[in-house]
Amino acid sequence: MPDYNEFLERIFEVLKPFAKQGVLLNEDCELVAELGLTSLQVMELIEQLEDHFDMSIPLNILPDIRTVRDLARALEKLES
């Protein structure tokens, strides 16, 4: 069962191509406000995480997720 750090590591891997020049990816990065992800890109991120961890992520948790940390914690809760 993956832990918080494994989720975090994978999220960073998936987000690397979206990081704007000069933006350092960290747990406090906001997915939309800072990284500028569109709703489609957020869905692609979720899909990649679902595939990688072989899990289902309910869409109703998305409104509560703003930062990378929020996403990693939400995934951790889903796995527990």
N, C-alpha and C. Protein backbone atom coordinates (compact mmCIF):
# COMPACT_ATOMS: atom_id res chain seq x y z
N MET A 1 0.85 -1.18 0.00
CA MET A 1 0.00 0.00 0.00
C MET A 1 0.90 1.25 0.00
N PRO A 2 0.70 2.14 -0.95
CA PRO A 2 1.55 3.35 -1.04
C PRO A 2 1.33 4.27 0.16
N ASP A 3 2.37 4.99 0.53
CA ASP A 3 2.23 5.96 1.61
C ASP A 3 2.27 7.38 1.03
N TYR A 4 2.16 8.35 1.91
CA TYR A 4 2.10 9.76 1.51
C TYR A 4 3.27 10.14 0.60
N ASN A 5 4.48 9.72 0.98
CA ASN A 5 5.67 10.09 0.20
C ASN A 5 5.67 9.47 -1.19
N GLU A 6 5.16 8.26 -1.31
CA GLU A 6 5.07 7.63 -2.63
C GLU A 6 4.07 8.38 -3.52
N PHE A 7 2.94 8.76 -2.94
CA PHE A 7 1.96 9.55 -3.69
C PHE A 7 2.58 10.87 -4.12
N LEU A 8 3.27 11.52 -3.20
CA LEU A 8 3.90 12.80 -3.47
C LEU A 8 4.92 12.69 -4.61
N GLU A 9 5.74 11.67 -4.54
CA GLU A 9 6.77 11.45 -5.56
C GLU A 9 6.14 11.29 -6.94
N ARG A 10 5.09 10.50 -7.02
CA ARG A 10 4.42 10.25 -8.31
C ARG A 10 3.73 11.53 -8.82
N ILE A 11 3.11 12.27 -7.93
CA ILE A 11 2.44 13.52 -8.33
C ILE A 11 3.48 14.47 -8.93
N PHE A 12 4.64 14.59 -8.28
CA PHE A 12 5.70 15.46 -8.80
C PHE A 12 6.15 14.99 -10.18
N GLU A 13 6.28 13.68 -10.37
CA GLU A 13 6.70 13.14 -11.68
C GLU A 13 5.70 13.55 -12.77
N VAL A 14 4.43 13.40 -12.46
CA VAL A 14 3.39 13.70 -13.45
C VAL A 14 3.31 15.21 -13.71
N LEU A 15 3.56 16.01 -12.68
CA LEU A 15 3.44 17.47 -12.82
C LEU A 15 4.66 18.14 -13.44
N LYS A 16 5.79 17.47 -13.47
CA LYS A 16 7.02 18.08 -14.00
C LYS A 16 6.84 18.79 -15.33
N PRO A 17 6.18 18.15 -16.31
CA PRO A 17 6.02 18.83 -17.60
C PRO A 17 5.16 20.11 -17.52
N PHE A 18 4.35 20.23 -16.48
CA PHE A 18 3.45 21.39 -16.35
C PHE A 18 4.09 22.54 -15.58
N ALA A 19 5.20 22.27 -14.90
CA ALA A 19 5.83 23.30 -14.07
C ALA A 19 6.39 24.41 -14.97
N LYS A 20 5.97 25.62 -14.68
CA LYS A 20 6.47 26.76 -15.45
C LYS A 20 7.92 27.02 -15.08
N GLN A 21 8.64 27.58 -16.00
CA GLN A 21 10.05 27.88 -15.73
C GLN A 21 10.15 28.77 -14.50
N GLY A 22 11.04 28.40 -13.60
CA GLY A 22 11.25 29.17 -12.39
C GLY A 22 10.35 28.76 -11.23
N VAL A 23 9.33 27.93 -11.50
CA VAL A 23 8.45 27.45 -10.43
C VAL A 23 9.02 26.14 -9.89
N LEU A 24 9.34 26.13 -8.62
CA LEU A 24 9.87 24.94 -7.99
C LEU A 24 8.70 24.12 -7.46
N LEU A 25 8.58 22.88 -7.92
CA LEU A 25 7.50 22.03 -7.45
C LEU A 25 7.72 21.68 -5.99
N ASN A 26 6.70 21.91 -5.19
CA ASN A 26 6.74 21.50 -3.79
C ASN A 26 5.33 21.21 -3.32
N GLU A 27 5.20 20.80 -2.08
CA GLU A 27 3.89 20.39 -1.56
C GLU A 27 2.87 21.53 -1.52
N ASP A 28 3.36 22.76 -1.46
CA ASP A 28 2.46 23.91 -1.35
C ASP A 28 2.03 24.49 -2.70
N CYS A 29 2.55 23.95 -3.80
CA CYS A 29 2.17 24.45 -5.13
C CYS A 29 0.67 24.24 -5.35
N GLU A 30 0.03 25.29 -5.80
CA GLU A 30 -1.40 25.18 -6.12
C GLU A 30 -1.54 24.71 -7.56
N LEU A 31 -2.34 23.68 -7.74
CA LEU A 31 -2.46 23.03 -9.05
C LEU A 31 -2.97 23.98 -10.12
N VAL A 32 -3.98 24.77 -9.80
CA VAL A 32 -4.58 25.66 -10.80
C VAL A 32 -3.96 27.06 -10.74
N ALA A 33 -3.95 27.66 -9.56
CA ALA A 33 -3.48 29.05 -9.44
C ALA A 33 -2.00 29.21 -9.77
N GLU A 34 -1.16 28.29 -9.29
CA GLU A 34 0.28 28.43 -9.49
C GLU A 34 0.78 27.72 -10.74
N LEU A 35 0.35 26.48 -10.91
CA LEU A 35 0.83 25.70 -12.05
C LEU A 35 0.00 25.95 -13.31
N GLY A 36 -1.17 26.54 -13.14
CA GLY A 36 -2.00 26.89 -14.28
C GLY A 36 -2.66 25.71 -14.98
N LEU A 37 -2.89 24.62 -14.23
CA LEU A 37 -3.54 23.47 -14.85
C LEU A 37 -4.98 23.80 -15.24
N THR A 38 -5.38 23.34 -16.39
CA THR A 38 -6.78 23.47 -16.82
C THR A 38 -7.56 22.31 -16.21
N SER A 39 -8.86 22.38 -16.29
CA SER A 39 -9.67 21.28 -15.74
C SER A 39 -9.36 19.97 -16.48
N LEU A 40 -9.09 20.06 -17.76
CA LEU A 40 -8.73 18.86 -18.53
C LEU A 40 -7.41 18.28 -18.03
N GLN A 41 -6.44 19.14 -17.77
CA GLN A 41 -5.15 18.68 -17.27
C GLN A 41 -5.27 18.06 -15.88
N VAL A 42 -6.15 18.62 -15.05
CA VAL A 42 -6.39 18.04 -13.73
C VAL A 42 -6.96 16.63 -13.90
N MET A 43 -7.89 16.48 -14.84
CA MET A 43 -8.48 15.16 -15.08
C MET A 43 -7.43 14.17 -15.59
N GLU A 44 -6.53 14.64 -16.44
CA GLU A 44 -5.45 13.77 -16.93
C GLU A 44 -4.51 13.38 -15.80
N LEU A 45 -4.25 14.31 -14.90
CA LEU A 45 -3.42 14.01 -13.73
C LEU A 45 -4.08 12.92 -12.90
N ILE A 46 -5.36 13.08 -12.63
CA ILE A 46 -6.11 12.10 -11.84
C ILE A 46 -6.08 10.74 -12.53
N GLU A 47 -6.29 10.74 -13.83
CA GLU A 47 -6.28 9.49 -14.60
C GLU A 47 -4.92 8.78 -14.50
N GLN A 48 -3.86 9.55 -14.63
CA GLN A 48 -2.52 8.95 -14.54
C GLN A 48 -2.26 8.38 -13.15
N LEU A 49 -2.72 9.07 -12.12
CA LEU A 49 -2.54 8.59 -10.76
C LEU A 49 -3.37 7.34 -10.52
N GLU A 50 -4.60 7.32 -11.04
CA GLU A 50 -5.45 6.13 -10.92
C GLU A 50 -4.78 4.93 -11.57
N ASP A 51 -4.25 5.13 -12.77
CA ASP A 51 -3.60 4.03 -13.49
C ASP A 51 -2.36 3.54 -12.76
N HIS A 52 -1.54 4.48 -12.31
CA HIS A 52 -0.28 4.12 -11.66
C HIS A 52 -0.50 3.36 -10.35
N PHE A 53 -1.45 3.84 -9.54
CA PHE A 53 -1.69 3.23 -8.24
C PHE A 53 -2.82 2.21 -8.25
N ASP A 54 -3.41 1.97 -9.43
CA ASP A 54 -4.52 1.03 -9.57
C ASP A 54 -5.61 1.31 -8.53
N MET A 55 -6.10 2.53 -8.57
CA MET A 55 -7.14 2.95 -7.64
C MET A 55 -8.15 3.82 -8.35
N SER A 56 -9.29 4.03 -7.72
CA SER A 56 -10.31 4.90 -8.26
C SER A 56 -10.40 6.15 -7.39
N ILE A 57 -10.33 7.31 -8.04
CA ILE A 57 -10.38 8.57 -7.31
C ILE A 57 -11.72 9.24 -7.60
N PRO A 58 -12.59 9.35 -6.59
CA PRO A 58 -13.90 9.95 -6.83
C PRO A 58 -13.78 11.44 -7.16
N LEU A 59 -14.50 11.87 -8.16
CA LEU A 59 -14.43 13.25 -8.62
C LEU A 59 -14.96 14.24 -7.58
N ASN A 60 -15.79 13.78 -6.67
CA ASN A 60 -16.36 14.70 -5.68
C ASN A 60 -15.34 15.21 -4.67
N ILE A 61 -14.11 14.64 -4.66
CA ILE A 61 -13.09 15.16 -3.74
C ILE A 61 -12.30 16.31 -4.38
N LEU A 62 -12.42 16.48 -5.68
CA LEU A 62 -11.62 17.49 -6.38
C LEU A 62 -11.83 18.93 -5.91
N PRO A 63 -13.05 19.34 -5.58
CA PRO A 63 -13.20 20.73 -5.12
C PRO A 63 -12.40 21.06 -3.86
N ASP A 64 -12.07 20.05 -3.07
CA ASP A 64 -11.32 20.26 -1.82
C ASP A 64 -9.81 20.23 -2.03
N ILE A 65 -9.37 19.99 -3.25
CA ILE A 65 -7.94 19.85 -3.53
C ILE A 65 -7.42 21.09 -4.24
N ARG A 66 -6.52 21.82 -3.56
CA ARG A 66 -5.93 23.01 -4.17
C ARG A 66 -4.44 22.82 -4.40
N THR A 67 -3.78 22.17 -3.46
CA THR A 67 -2.32 22.04 -3.53
C THR A 67 -1.90 20.59 -3.77
N VAL A 68 -0.63 20.43 -4.07
CA VAL A 68 -0.05 19.09 -4.23
C VAL A 68 -0.24 18.31 -2.93
N ARG A 69 -0.03 18.97 -1.79
CA ARG A 69 -0.20 18.33 -0.48
C ARG A 69 -1.63 17.83 -0.31
N ASP A 70 -2.61 18.67 -0.67
CA ASP A 70 -4.02 18.27 -0.55
C ASP A 70 -4.27 16.99 -1.34
N LEU A 71 -3.72 16.92 -2.54
CA LEU A 71 -3.93 15.77 -3.40
C LEU A 71 -3.28 14.52 -2.80
N ALA A 72 -2.04 14.64 -2.33
CA ALA A 72 -1.35 13.49 -1.75
C ALA A 72 -2.09 12.98 -0.51
N ARG A 73 -2.57 13.91 0.31
CA ARG A 73 -3.32 13.50 1.53
C ARG A 73 -4.63 12.83 1.16
N ALA A 74 -5.31 13.34 0.14
CA ALA A 74 -6.58 12.74 -0.29
C ALA A 74 -6.35 11.32 -0.79
N LEU A 75 -5.28 11.12 -1.55
CA LEU A 75 -4.97 9.77 -2.05
C LEU A 75 -4.63 8.84 -0.90
N GLU A 76 -3.91 9.35 0.07
CA GLU A 76 -3.55 8.54 1.24
C GLU A 76 -4.80 8.11 1.99
N LYS A 77 -5.76 9.03 2.15
CA LYS A 77 -7.01 8.70 2.83
C LYS A 77 -7.80 7.64 2.08
N LEU A 78 -7.80 7.75 0.75
CA LEU A 78 -8.54 6.78 -0.06
C LEU A 78 -7.97 5.37 0.08
N GLU A 79 -6.68 5.28 0.29
CA GLU A 79 -6.00 3.98 0.40
C GLU A 79 -6.12 3.38 1.79
N SER A 80 -6.47 4.19 2.79
CA SER A 80 -6.50 3.66 4.16
C SER A 80 -7.82 3.00 4.49
